[in-house]
Amino acid sequence: MLLSHQASVFPCIDMQLTLDFYHDKLGFIPSYLHGNPITYAVLKREGITINLNLTSEFLEKSTIYIFCHNVKEVYNEYTKKEVSFFETLNTTDYGMQEFVVLDPNQNKLIFGQHT
């Protein structure tokens, strides 16, 4: 095997707001914080890693598709935490059950499971 793992890098303009969202709403734990004030962060939850990069302006928005073992359970967890959904849990015509969340910087997180 040549490849090891991946991490998505999302731009953000307000690091603390974004860190709070990922921790308090989505359950990601910071595993690395760089700078004072923080300019780069690595967040983890289970096997998923998301990096945040502080920027003064957006170049473009990013998207990550997170495959789940039980998407309904994740959706229910986030509903209890009053996460605002961009798209609620639905079944797609391409055989996925999924929902979509936007972070404070309008980066898109799609959580899905094969039906």
PDB file of N, CA and C in Angstrom:
ATOM      1  N   MET A   1       0.832  -1.186   0.000  1.00  0.00           N
ATOM      2  CA  MET A   1       0.000   0.000   0.000  1.00  0.00           C
ATOM      3  C   MET A   1       0.874   1.245   0.000  1.00  0.00           C
ATOM      4  N   LEU A   2       0.525   2.201  -0.811  1.00  0.00           N
ATOM      5  CA  LEU A   2       1.295   3.433  -0.890  1.00  0.00           C
ATOM      6  C   LEU A   2       0.642   4.588  -0.158  1.00  0.00           C
ATOM      7  N   LEU A   3      -0.678   4.588  -0.073  1.00  0.00           N
ATOM      8  CA  LEU A   3      -1.391   5.703   0.535  1.00  0.00           C
ATOM      9  C   LEU A   3      -1.747   5.375   1.979  1.00  0.00           C
ATOM     10  N   SER A   4      -1.747   6.389   2.815  1.00  0.00           N
ATOM     11  CA  SER A   4      -1.970   6.195   4.244  1.00  0.00           C
ATOM     12  C   SER A   4      -3.349   6.643   4.709  1.00  0.00           C
ATOM     13  N   HIS A   5      -3.676   7.923   4.525  1.00  0.00           N
ATOM     14  CA  HIS A   5      -4.955   8.465   4.981  1.00  0.00           C
ATOM     15  C   HIS A   5      -5.170   9.831   4.355  1.00  0.00           C
ATOM     16  N   GLN A   6      -6.319  10.423   4.622  1.00  0.00           N
ATOM     17  CA  GLN A   6      -6.618  11.728   4.050  1.00  0.00           C
ATOM     18  C   GLN A   6      -7.118  12.667   5.128  1.00  0.00           C
ATOM     19  N   ALA A   7      -7.035  13.943   4.850  1.00  0.00           N
ATOM     20  CA  ALA A   7      -7.623  14.957   5.716  1.00  0.00           C
ATOM     21  C   ALA A   7      -8.098  16.100   4.833  1.00  0.00           C
ATOM     22  N   SER A   8      -9.296  16.547   5.072  1.00  0.00           N
ATOM     23  CA  SER A   8      -9.827  17.692   4.335  1.00  0.00           C
ATOM     24  C   SER A   8      -9.400  18.973   5.031  1.00  0.00           C
ATOM     25  N   VAL A   9      -9.076  19.990   4.246  1.00  0.00           N
ATOM     26  CA  VAL A   9      -8.702  21.292   4.800  1.00  0.00           C
ATOM     27  C   VAL A   9      -9.779  22.292   4.403  1.00  0.00           C
ATOM     28  N   PHE A  10     -10.452  22.839   5.416  1.00  0.00           N
ATOM     29  CA  PHE A  10     -11.501  23.825   5.197  1.00  0.00           C
ATOM     30  C   PHE A  10     -10.994  25.211   5.564  1.00  0.00           C
ATOM     31  N   PRO A  11     -11.240  26.202   4.712  1.00  0.00           N
ATOM     32  CA  PRO A  11     -10.915  27.577   5.080  1.00  0.00           C
ATOM     33  C   PRO A  11     -11.925  28.102   6.100  1.00  0.00           C
ATOM     34  N   CYS A  12     -11.467  28.965   6.990  1.00  0.00           N
ATOM     35  CA  CYS A  12     -12.403  29.611   7.915  1.00  0.00           C
ATOM     36  C   CYS A  12     -11.940  31.035   8.202  1.00  0.00           C
ATOM     37  N   ILE A  13     -12.904  31.914   8.441  1.00  0.00           N
ATOM     38  CA  ILE A  13     -12.562  33.310   8.726  1.00  0.00           C
ATOM     39  C   ILE A  13     -12.695  33.644  10.203  1.00  0.00           C
ATOM     40  N   ASP A  14     -13.356  32.796  10.986  1.00  0.00           N
ATOM     41  CA  ASP A  14     -13.468  32.980  12.432  1.00  0.00           C
ATOM     42  C   ASP A  14     -13.144  31.646  13.093  1.00  0.00           C
ATOM     43  N   MET A  15     -11.890  31.488  13.509  1.00  0.00           N
ATOM     44  CA  MET A  15     -11.425  30.203  14.017  1.00  0.00           C
ATOM     45  C   MET A  15     -12.185  29.765  15.272  1.00  0.00           C
ATOM     46  N   GLN A  16     -12.372  30.645  16.236  1.00  0.00           N
ATOM     47  CA  GLN A  16     -13.017  30.228  17.480  1.00  0.00           C
ATOM     48  C   GLN A  16     -14.473  29.827  17.260  1.00  0.00           C
ATOM     49  N   LEU A  17     -15.199  30.588  16.468  1.00  0.00           N
ATOM     50  CA  LEU A  17     -16.583  30.240  16.134  1.00  0.00           C
ATOM     51  C   LEU A  17     -16.644  28.869  15.458  1.00  0.00           C
ATOM     52  N   THR A  18     -15.712  28.630  14.540  1.00  0.00           N
ATOM     53  CA  THR A  18     -15.678  27.371  13.807  1.00  0.00           C
ATOM     54  C   THR A  18     -15.288  26.210  14.720  1.00  0.00           C
ATOM     55  N   LEU A  19     -14.287  26.405  15.579  1.00  0.00           N
ATOM     56  CA  LEU A  19     -13.898  25.370  16.539  1.00  0.00           C
ATOM     57  C   LEU A  19     -15.064  25.015  17.459  1.00  0.00           C
ATOM     58  N   ASP A  20     -15.750  26.016  17.951  1.00  0.00           N
ATOM     59  CA  ASP A  20     -16.890  25.779  18.844  1.00  0.00           C
ATOM     60  C   ASP A  20     -17.984  24.982  18.128  1.00  0.00           C
ATOM     61  N   PHE A  21     -18.255  25.326  16.881  1.00  0.00           N
ATOM     62  CA  PHE A  21     -19.279  24.613  16.107  1.00  0.00           C
ATOM     63  C   PHE A  21     -18.909  23.143  15.953  1.00  0.00           C
ATOM     64  N   TYR A  22     -17.694  22.871  15.502  1.00  0.00           N
ATOM     65  CA  TYR A  22     -17.293  21.483  15.274  1.00  0.00           C
ATOM     66  C   TYR A  22     -17.261  20.687  16.574  1.00  0.00           C
ATOM     67  N   HIS A  23     -16.850  21.310  17.673  1.00  0.00           N
ATOM     68  CA  HIS A  23     -16.798  20.605  18.952  1.00  0.00           C
ATOM     69  C   HIS A  23     -18.185  20.460  19.570  1.00  0.00           C
ATOM     70  N   ASP A  24     -18.877  21.578  19.757  1.00  0.00           N
ATOM     71  CA  ASP A  24     -20.147  21.566  20.496  1.00  0.00           C
ATOM     72  C   ASP A  24     -21.295  20.942  19.714  1.00  0.00           C
ATOM     73  N   LYS A  25     -21.349  21.170  18.423  1.00  0.00           N
ATOM     74  CA  LYS A  25     -22.467  20.687  17.614  1.00  0.00           C
ATOM     75  C   LYS A  25     -22.195  19.343  16.935  1.00  0.00           C
ATOM     76  N   LEU A  26     -20.969  19.167  16.400  1.00  0.00           N
ATOM     77  CA  LEU A  26     -20.696  17.972  15.611  1.00  0.00           C
ATOM     78  C   LEU A  26     -19.849  16.927  16.340  1.00  0.00           C
ATOM     79  N   GLY A  27     -19.332  17.257  17.528  1.00  0.00           N
ATOM     80  CA  GLY A  27     -18.612  16.278  18.332  1.00  0.00           C
ATOM     81  C   GLY A  27     -17.177  16.010  17.930  1.00  0.00           C
ATOM     82  N   PHE A  28     -16.554  16.905  17.160  1.00  0.00           N
ATOM     83  CA  PHE A  28     -15.150  16.749  16.794  1.00  0.00           C
ATOM     84  C   PHE A  28     -14.264  17.303  17.910  1.00  0.00           C
ATOM     85  N   ILE A  29     -13.151  16.635  18.157  1.00  0.00           N
ATOM     86  CA  ILE A  29     -12.225  17.016  19.223  1.00  0.00           C
ATOM     87  C   ILE A  29     -10.948  17.579  18.595  1.00  0.00           C
ATOM     88  N   PRO A  30     -10.501  18.753  19.052  1.00  0.00           N
ATOM     89  CA  PRO A  30      -9.220  19.274  18.544  1.00  0.00           C
ATOM     90  C   PRO A  30      -8.068  18.356  18.969  1.00  0.00           C
ATOM     91  N   SER A  31      -7.238  17.960  17.998  1.00  0.00           N
ATOM     92  CA  SER A  31      -6.064  17.150  18.327  1.00  0.00           C
ATOM     93  C   SER A  31      -4.772  17.938  18.117  1.00  0.00           C
ATOM     94  N   TYR A  32      -4.868  19.076  17.424  1.00  0.00           N
ATOM     95  CA  TYR A  32      -3.700  19.928  17.207  1.00  0.00           C
ATOM     96  C   TYR A  32      -4.185  21.348  16.948  1.00  0.00           C
ATOM     97  N   LEU A  33      -3.590  22.296  17.655  1.00  0.00           N
ATOM     98  CA  LEU A  33      -3.884  23.717  17.459  1.00  0.00           C
ATOM     99  C   LEU A  33      -2.560  24.434  17.263  1.00  0.00           C
ATOM    100  N   HIS A  34      -2.467  25.241  16.217  1.00  0.00           N
ATOM    101  CA  HIS A  34      -1.223  25.935  15.904  1.00  0.00           C
ATOM    102  C   HIS A  34      -1.425  27.448  15.971  1.00  0.00           C
ATOM    103  N   GLY A  35      -0.494  28.117  16.652  1.00  0.00           N
ATOM    104  CA  GLY A  35      -0.472  29.569  16.690  1.00  0.00           C
ATOM    105  C   GLY A  35      -1.201  30.154  17.883  1.00  0.00           C
ATOM    106  N   ASN A  36      -0.874  31.389  18.175  1.00  0.00           N
ATOM    107  CA  ASN A  36      -1.545  32.149  19.229  1.00  0.00           C
ATOM    108  C   ASN A  36      -1.699  33.579  18.731  1.00  0.00           C
ATOM    109  N   PRO A  37      -2.858  33.925  18.176  1.00  0.00           N
ATOM    110  CA  PRO A  37      -4.097  33.153  18.129  1.00  0.00           C
ATOM    111  C   PRO A  37      -3.991  31.972  17.156  1.00  0.00           C
ATOM    112  N   ILE A  38      -4.916  31.046  17.274  1.00  0.00           N
ATOM    113  CA  ILE A  38      -4.907  29.827  16.487  1.00  0.00           C
ATOM    114  C   ILE A  38      -5.138  30.155  15.010  1.00  0.00           C
ATOM    115  N   THR A  39      -4.242  29.646  14.162  1.00  0.00           N
ATOM    116  CA  THR A  39      -4.365  29.853  12.717  1.00  0.00           C
ATOM    117  C   THR A  39      -4.606  28.552  11.958  1.00  0.00           C
ATOM    118  N   TYR A  40      -4.390  27.417  12.640  1.00  0.00           N
ATOM    119  CA  TYR A  40      -4.587  26.112  12.000  1.00  0.00           C
ATOM    120  C   TYR A  40      -5.003  25.120  13.074  1.00  0.00           C
ATOM    121  N   ALA A  41      -5.971  24.281  12.759  1.00  0.00           N
ATOM    122  CA  ALA A  41      -6.454  23.305  13.732  1.00  0.00           C
ATOM    123  C   ALA A  41      -6.726  21.977  13.047  1.00  0.00           C
ATOM    124  N   VAL A  42      -6.482  20.890  13.784  1.00  0.00           N
ATOM    125  CA  VAL A  42      -6.817  19.549  13.326  1.00  0.00           C
ATOM    126  C   VAL A  42      -7.874  19.007  14.278  1.00  0.00           C
ATOM    127  N   LEU A  43      -9.014  18.591  13.710  1.00  0.00           N
ATOM    128  CA  LEU A  43     -10.134  18.087  14.495  1.00  0.00           C
ATOM    129  C   LEU A  43     -10.397  16.646  14.100  1.00  0.00           C
ATOM    130  N   LYS A  44     -10.747  15.816  15.104  1.00  0.00           N
ATOM    131  CA  LYS A  44     -10.988  14.404  14.813  1.00  0.00           C
ATOM    132  C   LYS A  44     -12.248  13.915  15.508  1.00  0.00           C
ATOM    133  N   ARG A  45     -12.911  13.017  14.830  1.00  0.00           N
ATOM    134  CA  ARG A  45     -14.011  12.256  15.414  1.00  0.00           C
ATOM    135  C   ARG A  45     -13.993  10.890  14.755  1.00  0.00           C
ATOM    136  N   GLU A  46     -13.804   9.865  15.587  1.00  0.00           N
ATOM    137  CA  GLU A  46     -13.685   8.504  15.089  1.00  0.00           C
ATOM    138  C   GLU A  46     -12.623   8.485  13.989  1.00  0.00           C
ATOM    139  N   GLY A  47     -12.907   8.021  12.785  1.00  0.00           N
ATOM    140  CA  GLY A  47     -11.901   7.950  11.732  1.00  0.00           C
ATOM    141  C   GLY A  47     -11.846   9.155  10.819  1.00  0.00           C
ATOM    142  N   ILE A  48     -12.543  10.227  11.170  1.00  0.00           N
ATOM    143  CA  ILE A  48     -12.629  11.407  10.307  1.00  0.00           C
ATOM    144  C   ILE A  48     -11.727  12.517  10.844  1.00  0.00           C
ATOM    145  N   THR A  49     -10.943  13.128   9.962  1.00  0.00           N
ATOM    146  CA  THR A  49     -10.081  14.255  10.311  1.00  0.00           C
ATOM    147  C   THR A  49     -10.443  15.442   9.429  1.00  0.00           C
ATOM    148  N   ILE A  50     -10.655  16.587  10.072  1.00  0.00           N
ATOM    149  CA  ILE A  50     -10.911  17.832   9.350  1.00  0.00           C
ATOM    150  C   ILE A  50      -9.915  18.869   9.847  1.00  0.00           C
ATOM    151  N   ASN A  51      -9.220  19.500   8.918  1.00  0.00           N
ATOM    152  CA  ASN A  51      -8.290  20.575   9.251  1.00  0.00           C
ATOM    153  C   ASN A  51      -8.959  21.909   8.952  1.00  0.00           C
ATOM    154  N   LEU A  52      -8.711  22.879   9.800  1.00  0.00           N
ATOM    155  CA  LEU A  52      -9.219  24.241   9.590  1.00  0.00           C
ATOM    156  C   LEU A  52      -8.037  25.171   9.394  1.00  0.00           C
ATOM    157  N   ASN A  53      -8.130  26.008   8.375  1.00  0.00           N
ATOM    158  CA  ASN A  53      -7.065  26.949   8.056  1.00  0.00           C
ATOM    159  C   ASN A  53      -7.637  28.361   8.079  1.00  0.00           C
ATOM    160  N   LEU A  54      -7.148  29.188   9.002  1.00  0.00           N
ATOM    161  CA  LEU A  54      -7.625  30.563   9.115  1.00  0.00           C
ATOM    162  C   LEU A  54      -7.197  31.354   7.889  1.00  0.00           C
ATOM    163  N   THR A  55      -8.144  32.048   7.308  1.00  0.00           N
ATOM    164  CA  THR A  55      -7.877  32.865   6.128  1.00  0.00           C
ATOM    165  C   THR A  55      -8.627  34.178   6.270  1.00  0.00           C
ATOM    166  N   SER A  56      -8.130  35.208   5.633  1.00  0.00           N
ATOM    167  CA  SER A  56      -8.787  36.513   5.726  1.00  0.00           C
ATOM    168  C   SER A  56      -9.936  36.636   4.737  1.00  0.00           C
ATOM    169  N   GLU A  57      -9.956  35.764   3.738  1.00  0.00           N
ATOM    170  CA  GLU A  57     -11.044  35.776   2.763  1.00  0.00           C
ATOM    171  C   GLU A  57     -11.212  34.380   2.184  1.00  0.00           C
ATOM    172  N   PHE A  58     -12.389  34.089   1.712  1.00  0.00           N
ATOM    173  CA  PHE A  58     -12.650  32.790   1.117  1.00  0.00           C
ATOM    174  C   PHE A  58     -12.190  32.763  -0.320  1.00  0.00           C
ATOM    175  N   LEU A  59     -11.461  31.722  -0.668  1.00  0.00           N
ATOM    176  CA  LEU A  59     -11.125  31.508  -2.062  1.00  0.00           C
ATOM    177  C   LEU A  59     -12.239  30.697  -2.713  1.00  0.00           C
ATOM    178  N   GLU A  60     -12.668  29.656  -2.037  1.00  0.00           N
ATOM    179  CA  GLU A  60     -13.850  28.912  -2.440  1.00  0.00           C
ATOM    180  C   GLU A  60     -14.258  28.012  -1.290  1.00  0.00           C
ATOM    181  N   LYS A  61     -15.477  27.560  -1.317  1.00  0.00           N
ATOM    182  CA  LYS A  61     -16.014  26.693  -0.281  1.00  0.00           C
ATOM    183  C   LYS A  61     -15.595  25.250  -0.556  1.00  0.00           C
ATOM    184  N   SER A  62     -15.582  24.448   0.488  1.00  0.00           N
ATOM    185  CA  SER A  62     -15.186  23.050   0.355  1.00  0.00           C
ATOM    186  C   SER A  62     -16.334  22.128   0.746  1.00  0.00           C
ATOM    187  N   THR A  63     -16.225  20.875   0.322  1.00  0.00           N
ATOM    188  CA  THR A  63     -17.217  19.855   0.638  1.00  0.00           C
ATOM    189  C   THR A  63     -16.504  18.580   1.042  1.00  0.00           C
ATOM    190  N   ILE A  64     -17.068  17.892   2.034  1.00  0.00           N
ATOM    191  CA  ILE A  64     -16.583  16.566   2.418  1.00  0.00           C
ATOM    192  C   ILE A  64     -17.794  15.648   2.514  1.00  0.00           C
ATOM    193  N   TYR A  65     -17.635  14.423   2.049  1.00  0.00           N
ATOM    194  CA  TYR A  65     -18.682  13.407   2.187  1.00  0.00           C
ATOM    195  C   TYR A  65     -18.201  12.426   3.244  1.00  0.00           C
ATOM    196  N   ILE A  66     -18.950  12.313   4.340  1.00  0.00           N
ATOM    197  CA  ILE A  66     -18.589  11.437   5.451  1.00  0.00           C
ATOM    198  C   ILE A  66     -19.517  10.229   5.426  1.00  0.00           C
ATOM    199  N   PHE A  67     -18.943   9.069   5.145  1.00  0.00           N
ATOM    200  CA  PHE A  67     -19.718   7.832   5.130  1.00  0.00           C
ATOM    201  C   PHE A  67     -19.926   7.353   6.560  1.00  0.00           C
ATOM    202  N   CYS A  68     -21.142   6.956   6.876  1.00  0.00           N
ATOM    203  CA  CYS A  68     -21.521   6.566   8.235  1.00  0.00           C
ATOM    204  C   CYS A  68     -21.941   5.100   8.279  1.00  0.00           C
ATOM    205  N   HIS A  69     -21.768   4.485   9.443  1.00  0.00           N
ATOM    206  CA  HIS A  69     -22.294   3.141   9.676  1.00  0.00           C
ATOM    207  C   HIS A  69     -23.775   3.212  10.026  1.00  0.00           C
ATOM    208  N   ASN A  70     -24.192   4.316  10.679  1.00  0.00           N
ATOM    209  CA  ASN A  70     -25.595   4.498  11.064  1.00  0.00           C
ATOM    210  C   ASN A  70     -25.935   5.986  10.951  1.00  0.00           C
ATOM    211  N   VAL A  71     -26.310   6.409   9.758  1.00  0.00           N
ATOM    212  CA  VAL A  71     -26.554   7.828   9.497  1.00  0.00           C
ATOM    213  C   VAL A  71     -27.744   8.352  10.299  1.00  0.00           C
ATOM    214  N   LYS A  72     -28.736   7.503  10.550  1.00  0.00           N
ATOM    215  CA  LYS A  72     -29.893   7.941  11.340  1.00  0.00           C
ATOM    216  C   LYS A  72     -29.484   8.307  12.766  1.00  0.00           C
ATOM    217  N   GLU A  73     -28.566   7.536  13.336  1.00  0.00           N
ATOM    218  CA  GLU A  73     -28.092   7.819  14.694  1.00  0.00           C
ATOM    219  C   GLU A  73     -27.334   9.143  14.745  1.00  0.00           C
ATOM    220  N   VAL A  74     -26.513   9.399  13.749  1.00  0.00           N
ATOM    221  CA  VAL A  74     -25.788  10.674  13.681  1.00  0.00           C
ATOM    222  C   VAL A  74     -26.779  11.823  13.517  1.00  0.00           C
ATOM    223  N   TYR A  75     -27.748  11.648  12.629  1.00  0.00           N
ATOM    224  CA  TYR A  75     -28.772  12.671  12.404  1.00  0.00           C
ATOM    225  C   TYR A  75     -29.548  12.969  13.695  1.00  0.00           C
ATOM    226  N   ASN A  76     -29.924  11.927  14.428  1.00  0.00           N
ATOM    227  CA  ASN A  76     -30.642  12.119  15.694  1.00  0.00           C
ATOM    228  C   ASN A  76     -29.775  12.825  16.731  1.00  0.00           C
ATOM    229  N   GLU A  77     -28.486  12.476  16.786  1.00  0.00           N
ATOM    230  CA  GLU A  77     -27.565  13.154  17.700  1.00  0.00           C
ATOM    231  C   GLU A  77     -27.509  14.646  17.401  1.00  0.00           C
ATOM    232  N   TYR A  78     -27.371  14.981  16.124  1.00  0.00           N
ATOM    233  CA  TYR A  78     -27.257  16.386  15.738  1.00  0.00           C
ATOM    234  C   TYR A  78     -28.581  17.132  15.918  1.00  0.00           C
ATOM    235  N   THR A  79     -29.694  16.438  15.737  1.00  0.00           N
ATOM    236  CA  THR A  79     -31.003  17.049  15.982  1.00  0.00           C
ATOM    237  C   THR A  79     -31.129  17.445  17.455  1.00  0.00           C
ATOM    238  N   LYS A  80     -30.692  16.565  18.352  1.00  0.00           N
ATOM    239  CA  LYS A  80     -30.741  16.855  19.787  1.00  0.00           C
ATOM    240  C   LYS A  80     -29.845  18.035  20.156  1.00  0.00           C
ATOM    241  N   LYS A  81     -28.753  18.216  19.406  1.00  0.00           N
ATOM    242  CA  LYS A  81     -27.832  19.332  19.645  1.00  0.00           C
ATOM    243  C   LYS A  81     -28.265  20.598  18.905  1.00  0.00           C
ATOM    244  N   GLU A  82     -29.442  20.533  18.281  1.00  0.00           N
ATOM    245  CA  GLU A  82     -30.028  21.662  17.554  1.00  0.00           C
ATOM    246  C   GLU A  82     -29.138  22.175  16.430  1.00  0.00           C
ATOM    247  N   VAL A  83     -28.509  21.238  15.725  1.00  0.00           N
ATOM    248  CA  VAL A  83     -27.747  21.579  14.527  1.00  0.00           C
ATOM    249  C   VAL A  83     -28.739  22.019  13.454  1.00  0.00           C
ATOM    250  N   SER A  84     -28.404  23.066  12.742  1.00  0.00           N
ATOM    251  CA  SER A  84     -29.235  23.536  11.640  1.00  0.00           C
ATOM    252  C   SER A  84     -28.830  22.770  10.377  1.00  0.00           C
ATOM    253  N   PHE A  85     -29.797  22.110   9.751  1.00  0.00           N
ATOM    254  CA  PHE A  85     -29.517  21.291   8.580  1.00  0.00           C
ATOM    255  C   PHE A  85     -29.748  22.083   7.301  1.00  0.00           C
ATOM    256  N   PHE A  86     -28.815  21.970   6.372  1.00  0.00           N
ATOM    257  CA  PHE A  86     -28.972  22.541   5.043  1.00  0.00           C
ATOM    258  C   PHE A  86     -29.926  21.665   4.240  1.00  0.00           C
ATOM    259  N   GLU A  87     -29.796  20.343   4.422  1.00  0.00           N
ATOM    260  CA  GLU A  87     -30.736  19.362   3.873  1.00  0.00           C
ATOM    261  C   GLU A  87     -30.996  18.332   4.963  1.00  0.00           C
ATOM    262  N   THR A  88     -32.263  18.043   5.222  1.00  0.00           N
ATOM    263  CA  THR A  88     -32.607  17.052   6.233  1.00  0.00           C
ATOM    264  C   THR A  88     -32.383  15.640   5.683  1.00  0.00           C
ATOM    265  N   LEU A  89     -32.454  14.665   6.572  1.00  0.00           N
ATOM    266  CA  LEU A  89     -32.232  13.277   6.203  1.00  0.00           C
ATOM    267  C   LEU A  89     -33.205  12.857   5.106  1.00  0.00           C
ATOM    268  N   ASN A  90     -32.649  12.312   4.018  1.00  0.00           N
ATOM    269  CA  ASN A  90     -33.468  11.896   2.880  1.00  0.00           C
ATOM    270  C   ASN A  90     -32.786  10.745   2.163  1.00  0.00           C
ATOM    271  N   THR A  91     -33.559  10.068   1.349  1.00  0.00           N
ATOM    272  CA  THR A  91     -33.013   8.985   0.526  1.00  0.00           C
ATOM    273  C   THR A  91     -32.894   9.497  -0.900  1.00  0.00           C
ATOM    274  N   THR A  92     -31.699   9.345  -1.455  1.00  0.00           N
ATOM    275  CA  THR A  92     -31.421   9.872  -2.791  1.00  0.00           C
ATOM    276  C   THR A  92     -31.761   8.847  -3.863  1.00  0.00           C
ATOM    277  N   ASP A  93     -31.828   9.312  -5.097  1.00  0.00           N
ATOM    278  CA  ASP A  93     -32.069   8.400  -6.209  1.00  0.00           C
ATOM    279  C   ASP A  93     -30.816   7.605  -6.575  1.00  0.00           C
ATOM    280  N   TYR A  94     -29.675   7.937  -5.968  1.00  0.00           N
ATOM    281  CA  TYR A  94     -28.442   7.180  -6.209  1.00  0.00           C
ATOM    282  C   TYR A  94     -28.116   6.226  -5.054  1.00  0.00           C
ATOM    283  N   GLY A  95     -29.138   5.924  -4.221  1.00  0.00           N
ATOM    284  CA  GLY A  95     -29.007   4.858  -3.249  1.00  0.00           C
ATOM    285  C   GLY A  95     -28.331   5.208  -1.941  1.00  0.00           C
ATOM    286  N   MET A  96     -28.370   6.465  -1.568  1.00  0.00           N
ATOM    287  CA  MET A  96     -27.785   6.887  -0.294  1.00  0.00           C
ATOM    288  C   MET A  96     -28.866   7.514   0.576  1.00  0.00           C
ATOM    289  N   GLN A  97     -28.740   7.311   1.872  1.00  0.00           N
ATOM    290  CA  GLN A  97     -29.544   8.061   2.825  1.00  0.00           C
ATOM    291  C   GLN A  97     -28.579   9.071   3.420  1.00  0.00           C
ATOM    292  N   GLU A  98     -28.909  10.372   3.311  1.00  0.00           N
ATOM    293  CA  GLU A  98     -27.937  11.395   3.686  1.00  0.00           C
ATOM    294  C   GLU A  98     -28.599  12.669   4.163  1.00  0.00           C
ATOM    295  N   PHE A  99     -27.774  13.488   4.856  1.00  0.00           N
ATOM    296  CA  PHE A  99     -28.178  14.837   5.235  1.00  0.00           C
ATOM    297  C   PHE A  99     -26.967  15.744   5.097  1.00  0.00           C
ATOM    298  N   VAL A 100     -27.236  17.059   5.069  1.00  0.00           N
ATOM    299  CA  VAL A 100     -26.177  18.031   4.806  1.00  0.00           C
ATOM    300  C   VAL A 100     -26.187  19.104   5.883  1.00  0.00           C
ATOM    301  N   VAL A 101     -24.980  19.437   6.363  1.00  0.00           N
ATOM    302  CA  VAL A 101     -24.771  20.505   7.334  1.00  0.00           C
ATOM    303  C   VAL A 101     -23.785  21.498   6.727  1.00  0.00           C
ATOM    304  N   LEU A 102     -24.009  22.784   6.934  1.00  0.00           N
ATOM    305  CA  LEU A 102     -23.038  23.811   6.569  1.00  0.00           C
ATOM    306  C   LEU A 102     -22.358  24.299   7.835  1.00  0.00           C
ATOM    307  N   ASP A 103     -21.033  24.432   7.788  1.00  0.00           N
ATOM    308  CA  ASP A 103     -20.341  24.990   8.947  1.00  0.00           C
ATOM    309  C   ASP A 103     -20.462  26.515   8.923  1.00  0.00           C
ATOM    310  N   PRO A 104     -19.968  27.223   9.932  1.00  0.00           N
ATOM    311  CA  PRO A 104     -20.122  28.686   9.969  1.00  0.00           C
ATOM    312  C   PRO A 104     -19.500  29.416   8.775  1.00  0.00           C
ATOM    313  N   ASN A 105     -18.633  28.736   8.033  1.00  0.00           N
ATOM    314  CA  ASN A 105     -17.975  29.328   6.872  1.00  0.00           C
ATOM    315  C   ASN A 105     -18.601  28.886   5.556  1.00  0.00           C
ATOM    316  N   GLN A 106     -19.736  28.180   5.658  1.00  0.00           N
ATOM    317  CA  GLN A 106     -20.482  27.671   4.504  1.00  0.00           C
ATOM    318  C   GLN A 106     -19.801  26.501   3.798  1.00  0.00           C
ATOM    319  N   ASN A 107     -18.849  25.844   4.467  1.00  0.00           N
ATOM    320  CA  ASN A 107     -18.311  24.587   3.956  1.00  0.00           C
ATOM    321  C   ASN A 107     -19.373  23.514   4.165  1.00  0.00           C
ATOM    322  N   LYS A 108     -19.476  22.592   3.230  1.00  0.00           N
ATOM    323  CA  LYS A 108     -20.548  21.600   3.239  1.00  0.00           C
ATOM    324  C   LYS A 108     -20.042  20.260   3.760  1.00  0.00           C
ATOM    325  N   LEU A 109     -20.768  19.702   4.744  1.00  0.00           N
ATOM    326  CA  LEU A 109     -20.512  18.359   5.248  1.00  0.00           C
ATOM    327  C   LEU A 109     -21.720  17.500   4.926  1.00  0.00           C
ATOM    328  N   ILE A 110     -21.509  16.476   4.111  1.00  0.00           N
ATOM    329  CA  ILE A 110     -22.585  15.555   3.757  1.00  0.00           C
ATOM    330  C   ILE A 110     -22.322  14.254   4.512  1.00  0.00           C
ATOM    331  N   PHE A 111     -23.309  13.817   5.282  1.00  0.00           N
ATOM    332  CA  PHE A 111     -23.220  12.572   6.030  1.00  0.00           C
ATOM    333  C   PHE A 111     -24.144  11.571   5.345  1.00  0.00           C
ATOM    334  N   GLY A 112     -23.615  10.388   4.988  1.00  0.00           N
ATOM    335  CA  GLY A 112     -24.440   9.451   4.237  1.00  0.00           C
ATOM    336  C   GLY A 112     -24.132   7.998   4.516  1.00  0.00           C
ATOM    337  N   GLN A 113     -25.077   7.170   4.097  1.00  0.00           N
ATOM    338  CA  GLN A 113     -24.978   5.722   4.255  1.00  0.00           C
ATOM    339  C   GLN A 113     -25.687   5.072   3.083  1.00  0.00           C
ATOM    340  N   HIS A 114     -25.098   3.991   2.557  1.00  0.00           N
ATOM    341  CA  HIS A 114     -25.762   3.224   1.492  1.00  0.00           C
ATOM    342  C   HIS A 114     -27.060   2.658   2.033  1.00  0.00           C
ATOM    343  N   THR A 115     -28.124   2.696   1.207  1.00  0.00           N
ATOM    344  CA  THR A 115     -29.405   2.154   1.642  1.00  0.00           C
ATOM    345  C   THR A 115     -29.500   0.671   1.340  1.00  0.00           C
TER     346      THR A 115
END
